[in-house]
């Protein structure tokens, strides 16, 4: 015979439900705060040099607009701008085969 009364099991069930509800609410608040923090950091760091923190200014270099820091002269390139400036990266096999061409 069980020593637990049905009412005890029921109370335990609802207590666990309440704990889960509070944990989910805390997780939701935490994720919203993290999203707000990310948005805030993006806002205060947008277009600032990662090296010294000065505001970056767009310049045109070889027909491509890049951002340059007036303080340290650092350059920021977006994802495809390096390929546009330097050319597409050759595959390893084609570069090895290029060694054997006469």
N, C-alpha and C. Protein backbone atom coordinates (compact mmCIF):
# COMPACT_ATOMS: atom_id res chain seq x y z
N UNK A 1 0.83 -1.18 0.00
CA UNK A 1 0.00 0.00 0.00
C UNK A 1 0.88 1.25 0.00
N UNK A 2 0.47 2.25 -0.74
CA UNK A 2 1.23 3.48 -0.89
C UNK A 2 1.06 4.38 0.34
N UNK A 3 2.18 5.02 0.73
CA UNK A 3 2.11 5.93 1.88
C UNK A 3 1.73 7.34 1.46
N UNK A 4 1.76 7.61 0.14
CA UNK A 4 1.40 8.94 -0.36
C UNK A 4 -0.09 9.02 -0.59
N UNK A 5 -0.65 10.08 -0.13
CA UNK A 5 -2.07 10.32 -0.39
C UNK A 5 -2.20 10.91 -1.79
N UNK A 6 -3.31 10.64 -2.48
CA UNK A 6 -3.51 11.22 -3.81
C UNK A 6 -3.40 12.74 -3.80
N UNK A 7 -3.83 13.38 -2.74
CA UNK A 7 -3.76 14.84 -2.68
C UNK A 7 -2.31 15.32 -2.64
N UNK A 8 -1.41 14.53 -2.03
CA UNK A 8 0.01 14.89 -1.97
C UNK A 8 0.62 14.83 -3.36
N UNK A 9 0.32 13.78 -4.11
CA UNK A 9 0.82 13.64 -5.48
C UNK A 9 0.29 14.77 -6.36
N UNK A 10 -0.95 15.14 -6.14
CA UNK A 10 -1.54 16.22 -6.92
C UNK A 10 -0.85 17.55 -6.61
N UNK A 11 -0.58 17.80 -5.35
CA UNK A 11 0.11 19.04 -4.96
C UNK A 11 1.52 19.08 -5.54
N UNK A 12 2.19 17.93 -5.53
CA UNK A 12 3.53 17.85 -6.09
C UNK A 12 3.50 18.13 -7.59
N UNK A 13 2.52 17.58 -8.28
CA UNK A 13 2.37 17.81 -9.72
C UNK A 13 2.19 19.30 -10.02
N UNK A 14 1.29 19.97 -9.30
CA UNK A 14 1.05 21.39 -9.53
C UNK A 14 2.24 22.25 -9.12
N UNK A 15 2.96 21.82 -8.09
CA UNK A 15 4.17 22.55 -7.69
C UNK A 15 5.22 22.47 -8.80
N UNK A 16 5.38 21.29 -9.40
CA UNK A 16 6.33 21.13 -10.50
C UNK A 16 5.89 21.96 -11.71
N UNK A 17 4.59 21.99 -11.97
CA UNK A 17 4.07 22.81 -13.08
C UNK A 17 4.38 24.28 -12.85
N UNK A 18 4.22 24.75 -11.62
CA UNK A 18 4.49 26.15 -11.28
C UNK A 18 5.98 26.46 -11.43
N UNK A 19 6.81 25.54 -10.99
CA UNK A 19 8.26 25.73 -11.13
C UNK A 19 8.65 25.81 -12.60
N UNK A 20 8.11 24.92 -13.41
CA UNK A 20 8.39 24.94 -14.85
C UNK A 20 7.92 26.25 -15.49
N UNK A 21 6.75 26.72 -15.08
CA UNK A 21 6.21 27.97 -15.63
C UNK A 21 7.14 29.14 -15.28
N UNK A 22 7.59 29.18 -14.03
CA UNK A 22 8.48 30.27 -13.60
C UNK A 22 9.83 30.18 -14.30
N UNK A 23 10.34 28.97 -14.47
CA UNK A 23 11.62 28.79 -15.17
C UNK A 23 11.50 29.25 -16.62
N UNK A 24 10.40 28.88 -17.28
CA UNK A 24 10.20 29.31 -18.67
C UNK A 24 10.08 30.82 -18.77
N UNK A 25 9.39 31.44 -17.82
CA UNK A 25 9.26 32.89 -17.82
C UNK A 25 10.62 33.54 -17.62
N UNK A 26 11.42 33.01 -16.70
CA UNK A 26 12.77 33.55 -16.46
C UNK A 26 13.63 33.40 -17.71
N UNK A 27 13.54 32.25 -18.40
CA UNK A 27 14.30 32.06 -19.64
C UNK A 27 13.87 33.05 -20.71
N UNK A 28 12.58 33.30 -20.81
CA UNK A 28 12.07 34.24 -21.80
C UNK A 28 12.57 35.66 -21.50
N UNK A 29 12.51 36.06 -20.23
CA UNK A 29 12.98 37.39 -19.85
C UNK A 29 14.48 37.51 -20.12
N UNK A 30 15.25 36.47 -19.79
CA UNK A 30 16.69 36.47 -20.03
C UNK A 30 17.00 36.61 -21.51
N UNK A 31 16.30 35.87 -22.36
CA UNK A 31 16.57 35.95 -23.80
C UNK A 31 16.18 37.31 -24.37
N UNK A 32 15.09 37.90 -23.85
CA UNK A 32 14.72 39.24 -24.30
C UNK A 32 15.76 40.27 -23.87
N UNK A 33 16.29 40.11 -22.65
CA UNK A 33 17.33 41.02 -22.18
C UNK A 33 18.60 40.86 -23.02
N UNK A 34 18.93 39.62 -23.38
CA UNK A 34 20.10 39.39 -24.21
C UNK A 34 19.91 40.01 -25.58
N UNK A 35 18.72 39.90 -26.15
CA UNK A 35 18.44 40.50 -27.45
C UNK A 35 18.54 42.02 -27.37
N UNK A 36 18.01 42.58 -26.28
CA UNK A 36 18.12 44.04 -26.09
C UNK A 36 19.57 44.46 -25.94
N UNK A 37 20.35 43.67 -25.21
CA UNK A 37 21.77 43.99 -25.01
C UNK A 37 22.52 43.92 -26.33
N UNK A 38 22.25 42.91 -27.14
CA UNK A 38 22.88 42.80 -28.45
C UNK A 38 22.52 44.00 -29.32
N UNK A 39 21.25 44.37 -29.32
CA UNK A 39 20.82 45.54 -30.10
C UNK A 39 21.50 46.80 -29.59
N UNK A 40 21.62 46.94 -28.28
CA UNK A 40 22.28 48.12 -27.70
C UNK A 40 23.76 48.16 -28.09
N UNK A 41 24.45 47.02 -27.98
CA UNK A 41 25.86 46.97 -28.35
C UNK A 41 26.06 47.26 -29.83
N UNK A 42 25.17 46.73 -30.66
CA UNK A 42 25.27 47.00 -32.10
C UNK A 42 25.10 48.48 -32.37
N UNK A 43 24.16 49.11 -31.66
CA UNK A 43 23.89 50.53 -31.86
C UNK A 43 25.10 51.38 -31.47
N UNK A 44 25.73 51.08 -30.34
CA UNK A 44 26.84 51.93 -29.89
C UNK A 44 28.15 51.62 -30.62
N UNK A 45 28.27 50.42 -31.20
CA UNK A 45 29.51 50.06 -31.90
C UNK A 45 29.39 50.13 -33.42
N UNK A 46 28.22 50.41 -33.94
CA UNK A 46 28.00 50.42 -35.38
C UNK A 46 28.95 51.41 -36.05
N UNK A 47 29.67 50.93 -37.04
CA UNK A 47 30.60 51.73 -37.84
C UNK A 47 31.73 52.33 -37.00
N UNK A 48 32.16 51.60 -35.98
CA UNK A 48 33.31 52.01 -35.18
C UNK A 48 34.43 50.99 -35.38
N UNK A 49 35.65 51.48 -35.33
CA UNK A 49 36.83 50.65 -35.53
C UNK A 49 36.94 49.61 -34.42
N UNK A 50 37.22 48.37 -34.79
CA UNK A 50 37.39 47.32 -33.79
C UNK A 50 38.73 47.44 -33.08
N UNK A 51 39.65 48.16 -33.67
CA UNK A 51 40.98 48.30 -33.09
C UNK A 51 41.05 49.42 -32.05
N UNK A 52 40.52 50.60 -32.39
CA UNK A 52 40.66 51.75 -31.49
C UNK A 52 39.34 52.41 -31.10
N UNK A 53 38.26 52.05 -31.75
CA UNK A 53 36.94 52.57 -31.37
C UNK A 53 36.51 53.84 -32.07
N UNK A 54 37.35 54.43 -32.91
CA UNK A 54 36.96 55.64 -33.63
C UNK A 54 35.91 55.30 -34.68
N UNK A 55 35.17 56.32 -35.09
CA UNK A 55 34.14 56.12 -36.10
C UNK A 55 34.78 55.89 -37.47
N UNK A 56 34.32 54.85 -38.15
CA UNK A 56 34.84 54.52 -39.49
C UNK A 56 34.17 55.41 -40.53
N UNK A 57 34.92 55.69 -41.61
CA UNK A 57 34.39 56.50 -42.70
C UNK A 57 34.56 55.75 -44.01
N UNK A 58 33.54 55.79 -44.86
CA UNK A 58 33.64 55.07 -46.13
C UNK A 58 34.60 55.78 -47.08
N UNK A 59 35.41 54.98 -47.76
CA UNK A 59 36.29 55.49 -48.81
C UNK A 59 36.14 54.54 -50.00
N UNK A 60 36.50 55.01 -51.16
CA UNK A 60 36.45 54.16 -52.35
C UNK A 60 37.87 53.73 -52.68
N UNK A 61 38.09 52.43 -52.70
CA UNK A 61 39.40 51.85 -52.99
C UNK A 61 39.24 50.86 -54.13
N UNK A 62 39.87 51.16 -55.26
CA UNK A 62 39.79 50.32 -56.46
C UNK A 62 38.35 50.03 -56.85
N UNK A 63 37.50 51.05 -56.74
CA UNK A 63 36.11 50.93 -57.15
C UNK A 63 35.19 50.27 -56.14
N UNK A 64 35.70 49.94 -54.96
CA UNK A 64 34.89 49.28 -53.93
C UNK A 64 34.87 50.18 -52.70
N UNK A 65 33.68 50.38 -52.15
CA UNK A 65 33.54 51.20 -50.95
C UNK A 65 33.89 50.36 -49.73
N UNK A 66 34.94 50.77 -49.02
CA UNK A 66 35.36 50.12 -47.78
C UNK A 66 35.35 51.16 -46.67
N UNK A 67 35.37 50.70 -45.42
CA UNK A 67 35.38 51.62 -44.30
C UNK A 67 36.79 51.72 -43.75
N UNK A 68 37.23 52.97 -43.48
CA UNK A 68 38.58 53.19 -42.96
C UNK A 68 38.51 54.03 -41.69
N UNK A 69 39.37 53.70 -40.73
CA UNK A 69 39.45 54.44 -39.49
C UNK A 69 40.40 55.62 -39.68
N UNK A 70 39.98 56.83 -39.34
CA UNK A 70 40.87 57.98 -39.50
C UNK A 70 41.98 58.01 -38.45
N UNK A 71 41.83 57.25 -37.37
CA UNK A 71 42.83 57.27 -36.30
C UNK A 71 43.97 56.29 -36.56
N UNK A 72 43.65 55.02 -36.77
CA UNK A 72 44.69 54.01 -36.94
C UNK A 72 44.83 53.54 -38.38
N UNK A 73 44.01 54.08 -39.28
CA UNK A 73 44.00 53.73 -40.70
C UNK A 73 43.62 52.27 -40.95
N UNK A 74 42.97 51.64 -39.99
CA UNK A 74 42.47 50.28 -40.18
C UNK A 74 41.38 50.26 -41.23
N UNK A 75 41.26 49.14 -41.92
CA UNK A 75 40.28 48.98 -43.00
C UNK A 75 39.34 47.84 -42.62
N UNK A 76 38.05 48.04 -42.85
CA UNK A 76 37.06 46.99 -42.63
C UNK A 76 36.49 46.61 -43.98
N UNK A 77 36.51 45.30 -44.28
CA UNK A 77 35.96 44.78 -45.52
C UNK A 77 34.77 43.90 -45.20
N UNK A 78 33.71 44.03 -45.97
CA UNK A 78 32.56 43.15 -45.83
C UNK A 78 32.88 41.81 -46.47
N UNK A 79 31.98 40.87 -46.35
CA UNK A 79 32.22 39.47 -46.71
C UNK A 79 32.80 39.28 -48.12
N UNK A 80 32.23 39.90 -49.11
CA UNK A 80 32.68 39.64 -50.48
C UNK A 80 33.69 40.66 -51.00
N UNK A 81 34.01 41.68 -50.23
CA UNK A 81 34.89 42.75 -50.73
C UNK A 81 36.34 42.28 -50.88
N UNK A 82 36.80 41.38 -50.02
CA UNK A 82 38.17 40.88 -50.16
C UNK A 82 38.32 40.12 -51.47
N UNK A 83 37.35 39.28 -51.80
CA UNK A 83 37.40 38.54 -53.07
C UNK A 83 37.36 39.50 -54.25
N UNK A 84 36.57 40.57 -54.14
CA UNK A 84 36.50 41.54 -55.23
C UNK A 84 37.84 42.25 -55.41
N UNK A 85 38.53 42.53 -54.32
CA UNK A 85 39.82 43.22 -54.41
C UNK A 85 40.96 42.28 -54.82
N UNK A 86 41.00 41.09 -54.24
CA UNK A 86 42.13 40.19 -54.45
C UNK A 86 41.86 39.14 -55.52
N UNK A 87 40.63 38.97 -55.93
CA UNK A 87 40.29 37.93 -56.88
C UNK A 87 39.87 36.67 -56.14
N UNK A 88 39.14 35.82 -56.82
CA UNK A 88 38.64 34.60 -56.18
C UNK A 88 39.80 33.66 -55.88
N UNK A 89 39.67 32.97 -54.76
CA UNK A 89 40.68 32.02 -54.31
C UNK A 89 40.64 30.79 -55.22
N UNK A 90 41.81 30.42 -55.72
CA UNK A 90 41.88 29.24 -56.57
C UNK A 90 41.80 27.99 -55.72
N UNK A 91 41.35 26.93 -56.33
CA UNK A 91 41.31 25.68 -55.59
C UNK A 91 42.72 25.14 -55.43
N UNK A 92 42.92 24.33 -54.43
CA UNK A 92 44.24 23.77 -54.14
C UNK A 92 44.71 22.90 -55.29
N UNK A 93 43.83 22.12 -55.86
CA UNK A 93 44.22 21.22 -56.96
C UNK A 93 44.68 22.01 -58.17
N UNK A 94 43.95 23.06 -58.52
CA UNK A 94 44.36 23.84 -59.70
C UNK A 94 45.68 24.56 -59.44
N UNK A 95 45.94 24.99 -58.23
CA UNK A 95 47.21 25.64 -57.96
C UNK A 95 48.36 24.64 -57.97
N UNK A 96 48.11 23.39 -57.53
CA UNK A 96 49.15 22.35 -57.59
C UNK A 96 49.42 21.97 -59.04
N UNK A 97 48.35 21.83 -59.82
CA UNK A 97 48.54 21.48 -61.24
C UNK A 97 49.27 22.62 -61.97
N UNK A 98 49.07 23.83 -61.54
CA UNK A 98 49.76 24.96 -62.14
C UNK A 98 51.27 24.89 -61.96
N UNK A 99 51.74 24.18 -60.95
CA UNK A 99 53.18 24.02 -60.74
C UNK A 99 53.81 23.15 -61.82
N UNK A 100 53.03 22.24 -62.38
CA UNK A 100 53.57 21.28 -63.35
C UNK A 100 53.38 21.69 -64.80
N UNK A 101 52.81 22.85 -65.04
CA UNK A 101 52.62 23.32 -66.42
C UNK A 101 53.94 23.90 -66.91
N UNK A 102 54.25 23.58 -68.16
CA UNK A 102 55.50 24.09 -68.75
C UNK A 102 55.24 25.19 -69.68
